[in-house]
Amino acid sequence: MQARSLHHLLRLISRKPTAERVDMSGHRVIVTGASPGSLGYETAGILANWGADVVVTRTREVAAMEHSLKDDLRRAGASQGRVAARALDLCDAESVKGFAKWYEDNQVGRLHVLINNAGIHKNILSPRKKPPLSKDGFEIHWRANYLGTFHLTSLLLPLLKRTGLECGDARVVNVSSRLHERVKNDQLFSGLDRYHSWDAYGLSKLALVHFSFEIQRRFADRYNLRSAALHPGSVDTNLTRTAILGGRTDGVFHRIASALSSLALLPPRAGAQTAVMCASEPSWQGGAYYYRCGIAESSGESSDESASKLLWERTSAWAGTLEKHGGDEHERN
């Protein structure tokens, strides 16, 4: 533990890797979870500034998010017209279906990059509380971070595959976490023996790593659709601040906690660099796990192809109960 803490400190004070600017003109990108102050917000802003047409999502206060992002682009001298915003709740199947249909109807039939950034981490400071559940009865981290992401991606797969065939390059980038190392593959199917919110969060992020690798195996060769997962680093976002502050947003306690957070965590723009690189780098390699703008080593559990396949099949069956596809979009190719 001491060695890991020292390593983290050295990372914080060392030079932060930065994605090299790439001309993204003509590329259509979705970034989920782009609330101001988040990784998604910074990722979307950078890619739009580089010329991409970016759709951003948030569960609520969508107009405020769009206004803020466009204002940032205006101040940077970039086109505000490159950004569109839409509501999306990954825990609500109808919201996911509605967003996917809206995108298909309004974005000229192409999707070059899907960045699955949206996610939640509940009860950070009280991890042994009773498991929070979604409206449809799932543990909330599993429902929002993994099942909702799988559902959205499955609905957008036809566009991604078509874009890959027509343009030679389409990508799915899943924002995971180093916390996927906390858990094991058997827990993906049997659940946690004793609930701990950090383990539940880690389980959803391990599932995302498997999901990334399985997309690569199924669709890269035939459809030029590549996928990877990444760890953005420990980042000072609105998510971590809300959890640490326990909802308190003013006073001395807020200022002290915010200052401490900024010392221990990366700023969002630095944390966004790996996602930006995965979305834009021409020579980028799919089927890998990234950290600090380079390929890193994910947990040994994530390299088990049989677990990836079984998880895909079970999740695909669940998604099939929500949406009946014409033909088998999840067929192994």
Protein backbone atom coordinates (compact mmCIF):
# COMPACT_ATOMS: atom_id res chain seq x y z
CA MET A 1 0.00 0.00 0.00
CA GLN A 2 2.84 2.42 0.84
CA ALA A 3 4.53 1.67 -2.48
CA ARG A 4 1.32 2.36 -4.37
CA SER A 5 0.77 5.63 -2.49
CA LEU A 6 4.32 6.75 -3.29
CA HIS A 7 3.83 5.79 -6.93
CA HIS A 8 0.61 7.83 -7.02
CA LEU A 9 2.38 10.86 -5.52
CA LEU A 10 5.18 10.64 -8.07
CA ARG A 11 2.59 10.48 -10.85
CA LEU A 12 0.90 13.62 -9.53
CA ILE A 13 4.09 15.70 -9.46
CA SER A 14 5.55 14.34 -12.71
CA ARG A 15 4.84 15.76 -16.15
CA LYS A 16 1.31 14.90 -17.28
CA PRO A 17 1.05 13.15 -20.67
CA THR A 18 -0.94 15.08 -23.24
CA ALA A 19 -2.74 13.87 -26.34
CA GLU A 20 -1.29 15.28 -29.56
CA ARG A 21 -3.65 17.49 -31.51
CA VAL A 22 -5.34 15.73 -34.42
CA ASP A 23 -7.60 17.25 -37.08
CA MET A 24 -10.99 15.72 -36.23
CA SER A 25 -12.92 17.51 -38.95
CA GLY A 26 -15.68 15.32 -40.35
CA HIS A 27 -15.68 12.99 -37.32
CA ARG A 28 -18.89 12.48 -35.38
CA VAL A 29 -18.44 11.71 -31.70
CA ILE A 30 -20.70 10.94 -28.74
CA VAL A 31 -19.44 11.63 -25.22
CA THR A 32 -21.73 10.45 -22.44
CA GLY A 33 -21.67 12.04 -19.01
CA ALA A 34 -20.45 15.54 -19.88
CA SER A 35 -21.59 17.61 -16.92
CA PRO A 36 -19.48 20.74 -16.37
CA GLY A 37 -16.47 19.83 -14.24
CA SER A 38 -16.36 16.25 -15.50
CA LEU A 39 -13.97 14.20 -17.61
CA GLY A 40 -16.63 13.97 -20.30
CA TYR A 41 -17.01 17.74 -20.45
CA GLU A 42 -13.28 18.27 -20.95
CA THR A 43 -13.05 15.43 -23.46
CA ALA A 44 -15.92 16.82 -25.51
CA GLY A 45 -14.50 20.34 -25.43
CA ILE A 46 -11.08 19.26 -26.67
CA LEU A 47 -12.45 17.12 -29.49
CA ALA A 48 -14.89 19.84 -30.61
CA ASN A 49 -12.05 22.37 -30.54
CA TRP A 50 -10.12 20.01 -32.82
CA GLY A 51 -12.98 20.00 -35.34
CA ALA A 52 -15.18 17.04 -34.35
CA ASP A 53 -18.96 17.25 -34.29
CA VAL A 54 -19.74 16.18 -30.72
CA VAL A 55 -22.98 15.12 -29.07
CA VAL A 56 -22.81 15.30 -25.27
CA THR A 57 -25.22 13.82 -22.75
CA ARG A 58 -26.33 14.40 -19.19
CA THR A 59 -29.28 13.15 -17.16
CA ARG A 60 -30.56 16.65 -16.36
CA GLU A 61 -29.80 20.37 -16.81
CA VAL A 62 -28.88 19.63 -20.41
CA ALA A 63 -29.37 23.18 -21.66
CA ALA A 64 -26.96 24.53 -19.03
CA MET A 65 -24.33 21.98 -20.05
CA GLU A 66 -24.70 22.88 -23.72
CA HIS A 67 -24.54 26.61 -23.03
CA SER A 68 -21.42 26.24 -20.89
CA LEU A 69 -19.61 24.09 -23.44
CA LYS A 70 -20.48 26.40 -26.33
CA ASP A 71 -19.36 29.39 -24.31
CA ASP A 72 -16.00 27.71 -23.69
CA LEU A 73 -15.63 26.98 -27.41
CA ARG A 74 -16.50 30.58 -28.29
CA ARG A 75 -13.80 31.87 -25.95
CA ALA A 76 -11.33 29.43 -27.52
CA GLY A 77 -12.20 30.70 -31.01
CA ALA A 78 -13.81 27.41 -32.09
CA SER A 79 -17.18 26.83 -33.70
CA GLN A 80 -20.05 26.54 -31.22
CA GLY A 81 -22.07 24.70 -33.85
CA ARG A 82 -19.95 21.58 -33.37
CA VAL A 83 -21.72 20.69 -30.13
CA ALA A 84 -25.21 19.32 -29.54
CA ALA A 85 -26.59 18.17 -26.20
CA ARG A 86 -29.19 15.59 -25.31
CA ALA A 87 -30.63 14.06 -22.15
CA LEU A 88 -29.63 10.46 -21.43
CA ASP A 89 -30.28 8.34 -18.35
CA LEU A 90 -28.41 5.05 -18.61
CA CYS A 91 -30.61 3.51 -15.89
CA ASP A 92 -33.74 4.12 -17.98
CA ALA A 93 -34.16 1.81 -20.98
CA GLU A 94 -36.65 4.16 -22.65
CA SER A 95 -34.23 7.08 -22.31
CA VAL A 96 -31.47 4.99 -23.91
CA LYS A 97 -33.73 3.93 -26.77
CA GLY A 98 -34.95 7.47 -27.29
CA PHE A 99 -31.42 8.87 -27.42
CA ALA A 100 -30.23 6.21 -29.89
CA LYS A 101 -33.22 6.88 -32.18
CA TRP A 102 -32.70 10.63 -31.98
CA TYR A 103 -29.04 10.24 -32.91
CA GLU A 104 -29.79 7.97 -35.84
CA ASP A 105 -32.48 10.36 -37.13
CA ASN A 106 -30.42 13.54 -36.78
CA GLN A 107 -26.73 12.78 -37.29
CA VAL A 108 -26.47 11.83 -40.99
CA GLY A 109 -26.02 8.11 -40.40
CA ARG A 110 -22.45 8.09 -39.10
CA LEU A 111 -20.76 7.64 -35.74
CA HIS A 112 -16.98 7.54 -35.70
CA VAL A 113 -16.36 7.46 -31.94
CA LEU A 114 -18.53 6.50 -28.99
CA ILE A 115 -16.94 7.49 -25.68
CA ASN A 116 -18.77 5.76 -22.84
CA ASN A 117 -17.71 8.07 -20.04
CA ALA A 118 -20.89 8.39 -17.95
CA GLY A 119 -20.79 6.62 -14.63
CA ILE A 120 -21.58 6.87 -10.94
CA HIS A 121 -19.87 5.94 -7.69
CA LYS A 122 -22.20 6.00 -4.69
CA ASN A 123 -21.41 5.89 -0.97
CA ILE A 124 -17.69 6.48 -1.36
CA LEU A 125 -17.25 7.30 2.31
CA SER A 126 -19.85 4.82 3.62
CA PRO A 127 -19.22 1.81 1.38
CA ARG A 128 -20.98 -0.81 3.51
CA LYS A 129 -24.41 0.75 3.34
CA LYS A 130 -27.30 -1.27 1.94
CA PRO A 131 -26.84 -1.64 -1.85
CA PRO A 132 -28.58 1.20 -3.69
CA LEU A 133 -30.88 -0.11 -6.42
CA SER A 134 -32.09 1.23 -9.75
CA LYS A 135 -35.80 1.57 -10.46
CA ASP A 136 -35.75 -1.81 -12.21
CA GLY A 137 -34.07 -3.54 -9.29
CA PHE A 138 -30.37 -3.73 -10.21
CA GLU A 139 -27.46 -2.70 -8.02
CA ILE A 140 -26.99 0.89 -9.16
CA HIS A 141 -23.33 0.75 -10.24
CA TRP A 142 -23.91 -2.35 -12.32
CA ARG A 143 -27.04 -0.82 -13.88
CA ALA A 144 -25.63 2.60 -14.71
CA ASN A 145 -21.97 1.93 -15.43
CA TYR A 146 -22.24 -1.37 -17.25
CA LEU A 147 -25.75 -2.46 -18.26
CA GLY A 148 -26.79 0.97 -19.48
CA THR A 149 -23.54 1.38 -21.37
CA PHE A 150 -23.95 -2.03 -23.00
CA HIS A 151 -27.54 -1.24 -23.97
CA LEU A 152 -26.60 2.11 -25.52
CA THR A 153 -23.63 0.65 -27.40
CA SER A 154 -25.68 -2.27 -28.72
CA LEU A 155 -28.25 0.14 -30.18
CA LEU A 156 -25.51 2.21 -31.82
CA LEU A 157 -23.58 -0.79 -33.16
CA PRO A 158 -25.21 -0.68 -36.63
CA LEU A 159 -24.04 2.93 -37.10
CA LEU A 160 -20.58 2.17 -35.73
CA LYS A 161 -20.16 -0.85 -37.99
CA ARG A 162 -21.42 1.05 -41.04
CA THR A 163 -19.03 3.92 -40.30
CA GLY A 164 -16.16 1.50 -39.84
CA LEU A 165 -16.85 -0.08 -43.22
CA GLU A 166 -17.34 3.22 -45.03
CA CYS A 167 -14.55 5.23 -43.39
CA GLY A 168 -12.15 2.50 -42.32
CA ASP A 169 -12.17 3.49 -38.65
CA ALA A 170 -14.82 3.50 -35.92
CA ARG A 171 -14.14 3.30 -32.20
CA VAL A 172 -15.73 2.53 -28.85
CA VAL A 173 -13.81 3.96 -25.90
CA ASN A 174 -14.92 2.83 -22.44
CA VAL A 175 -13.81 4.79 -19.40
CA SER A 176 -13.02 2.18 -16.78
CA SER A 177 -10.99 2.48 -13.58
CA ARG A 178 -8.03 0.94 -11.85
CA LEU A 179 -10.55 -0.21 -9.25
CA HIS A 180 -11.47 -3.05 -11.62
CA GLU A 181 -8.46 -4.78 -10.06
CA ARG A 182 -10.35 -5.13 -6.74
CA VAL A 183 -12.68 -7.87 -7.98
CA LYS A 184 -12.74 -11.29 -9.67
CA ASN A 185 -14.50 -12.71 -12.69
CA ASP A 186 -16.67 -15.12 -10.72
CA GLN A 187 -18.22 -12.12 -8.96
CA LEU A 188 -19.47 -10.87 -12.32
CA PHE A 189 -21.85 -13.82 -12.38
CA SER A 190 -22.43 -14.69 -8.73
CA GLY A 191 -22.30 -11.22 -7.17
CA LEU A 192 -20.48 -9.95 -4.09
CA ASP A 193 -20.56 -12.04 -0.91
CA ARG A 194 -20.53 -8.89 1.22
CA TYR A 195 -21.57 -5.57 -0.25
CA HIS A 196 -18.99 -2.81 -0.53
CA SER A 197 -19.67 0.11 -2.86
CA TRP A 198 -16.04 0.26 -4.00
CA ASP A 199 -16.20 -3.41 -5.00
CA ALA A 200 -19.55 -2.86 -6.74
CA TYR A 201 -18.05 0.05 -8.65
CA GLY A 202 -14.96 -2.03 -9.47
CA LEU A 203 -17.16 -4.88 -10.70
CA SER A 204 -18.93 -2.58 -13.15
CA LYS A 205 -15.56 -1.32 -14.38
CA LEU A 206 -14.16 -4.85 -14.80
CA ALA A 207 -17.22 -5.62 -16.90
CA LEU A 208 -16.42 -2.59 -19.07
CA VAL A 209 -12.89 -3.85 -19.68
CA HIS A 210 -14.26 -7.25 -20.76
CA PHE A 211 -16.84 -5.46 -22.92
CA SER A 212 -14.11 -3.43 -24.63
CA PHE A 213 -11.98 -6.46 -25.42
CA GLU A 214 -14.96 -8.43 -26.70
CA ILE A 215 -16.05 -5.66 -29.08
CA GLN A 216 -12.53 -5.70 -30.49
CA ARG A 217 -12.58 -9.47 -30.96
CA ARG A 218 -16.01 -9.49 -32.60
CA PHE A 219 -15.92 -6.48 -34.89
CA ALA A 220 -12.39 -5.16 -35.53
CA ASP A 221 -11.39 -7.37 -38.44
CA ARG A 222 -14.67 -7.40 -40.31
CA TYR A 223 -16.01 -3.91 -39.61
CA ASN A 224 -12.93 -1.81 -38.73
CA LEU A 225 -14.61 -1.18 -35.36
CA ARG A 226 -11.99 -1.02 -32.63
CA SER A 227 -12.48 -0.73 -28.90
CA ALA A 228 -10.45 -0.22 -25.75
CA ALA A 229 -10.82 0.62 -22.09
CA LEU A 230 -8.90 3.19 -20.08
CA HIS A 231 -8.12 4.38 -16.59
CA PRO A 232 -8.16 8.20 -16.56
CA GLY A 233 -6.25 8.46 -13.31
CA SER A 234 -7.57 9.72 -9.98
CA VAL A 235 -9.36 12.88 -11.05
CA ASP A 236 -10.83 15.83 -9.15
CA THR A 237 -14.29 15.94 -10.76
CA ASN A 238 -17.72 17.03 -9.59
CA LEU A 239 -18.42 13.34 -8.84
CA THR A 240 -15.56 13.01 -6.34
CA ARG A 241 -16.14 16.44 -4.82
CA THR A 242 -19.82 15.74 -4.18
CA ALA A 243 -18.99 12.41 -2.55
CA ILE A 244 -16.19 13.80 -0.40
CA LEU A 245 -18.13 16.87 0.68
CA GLY A 246 -21.27 14.87 1.41
CA GLY A 247 -23.38 17.39 -0.46
CA ARG A 248 -22.05 20.44 1.39
CA THR A 249 -21.25 23.21 -1.07
CA ASP A 250 -20.26 26.21 1.05
CA GLY A 251 -18.34 27.26 4.11
CA VAL A 252 -14.88 26.60 5.45
CA PHE A 253 -15.26 22.82 5.23
CA HIS A 254 -15.94 23.06 1.51
CA ARG A 255 -12.91 25.22 0.84
CA ILE A 256 -10.57 22.99 2.85
CA ALA A 257 -11.86 19.77 1.29
CA SER A 258 -11.68 21.25 -2.20
CA ALA A 259 -8.10 22.34 -1.66
CA LEU A 260 -7.11 18.90 -0.39
CA SER A 261 -8.85 17.23 -3.33
CA SER A 262 -6.99 19.40 -5.82
CA LEU A 263 -3.68 18.40 -4.26
CA ALA A 264 -4.40 14.66 -4.29
CA LEU A 265 -6.25 14.38 -7.60
CA LEU A 266 -5.65 15.30 -11.23
CA PRO A 267 -7.57 18.23 -12.73
CA PRO A 268 -10.29 17.08 -15.19
CA ARG A 269 -8.44 18.35 -18.26
CA ALA A 270 -5.40 16.24 -17.40
CA GLY A 271 -7.60 13.23 -16.70
CA ALA A 272 -9.33 13.62 -20.06
CA GLN A 273 -6.13 13.29 -22.11
CA THR A 274 -6.17 9.48 -22.39
CA ALA A 275 -9.78 9.43 -23.62
CA VAL A 276 -8.95 12.17 -26.14
CA MET A 277 -5.94 10.22 -27.37
CA CYS A 278 -7.98 7.01 -27.74
CA ALA A 279 -10.60 8.91 -29.72
CA SER A 280 -8.22 10.71 -32.05
CA GLU A 281 -4.78 9.11 -32.46
CA PRO A 282 -4.60 7.68 -36.03
CA SER A 283 -2.26 4.81 -35.12
CA TRP A 284 -4.24 3.93 -32.01
CA GLN A 285 -4.41 0.22 -31.16
CA GLY A 286 -7.72 -1.33 -30.14
CA GLY A 287 -8.12 -4.29 -27.82
CA ALA A 288 -5.94 -2.73 -25.14
CA TYR A 289 -6.17 -0.99 -21.78
CA TYR A 290 -4.81 2.57 -21.60
CA TYR A 291 -3.47 4.81 -18.87
CA ARG A 292 -1.54 8.09 -19.18
CA CYS A 293 -1.93 8.08 -22.97
CA GLY A 294 -0.24 4.71 -23.38
CA ILE A 295 -0.99 1.00 -23.22
CA ALA A 296 -1.00 -0.30 -19.67
CA GLU A 297 -1.64 -3.63 -17.99
CA SER A 298 -5.18 -4.42 -16.89
CA SER A 299 -5.94 -7.07 -14.29
CA GLY A 300 -5.27 -10.71 -15.07
CA GLU A 301 -8.99 -11.37 -14.67
CA SER A 302 -9.76 -9.13 -17.66
CA SER A 303 -7.66 -11.29 -20.02
CA ASP A 304 -9.96 -14.32 -19.61
CA GLU A 305 -11.67 -14.53 -23.00
CA SER A 306 -14.17 -17.12 -21.83
CA ALA A 307 -15.38 -14.74 -19.12
CA SER A 308 -15.66 -11.92 -21.68
CA LYS A 309 -17.71 -14.10 -24.01
CA LEU A 310 -20.02 -15.38 -21.28
CA LEU A 311 -20.58 -11.87 -19.93
CA TRP A 312 -21.37 -10.61 -23.44
CA GLU A 313 -23.84 -13.42 -24.07
CA ARG A 314 -25.67 -12.92 -20.79
CA THR A 315 -25.80 -9.16 -21.11
CA SER A 316 -26.89 -9.40 -24.73
CA ALA A 317 -29.74 -11.66 -23.68
CA TRP A 318 -30.79 -9.09 -21.09
CA ALA A 319 -30.59 -6.25 -23.62
CA GLY A 320 -32.69 -8.36 -25.99
CA THR A 321 -35.53 -8.23 -23.51
CA LEU A 322 -35.48 -4.42 -23.77
CA GLU A 323 -35.12 -4.05 -27.51
CA LYS A 324 -35.80 -6.54 -30.28
CA HIS A 325 -33.21 -6.10 -33.02
CA GLY A 326 -33.78 -7.00 -36.62
CA GLY A 327 -31.19 -9.75 -37.00
CA ASP A 328 -28.48 -10.64 -34.52
CA GLU A 329 -26.34 -7.56 -34.00
CA HIS A 330 -24.28 -9.44 -31.41
CA GLU A 331 -23.28 -12.34 -33.60
CA ARG A 332 -19.63 -13.25 -33.33
CA ASN A 333 -17.96 -12.48 -36.66
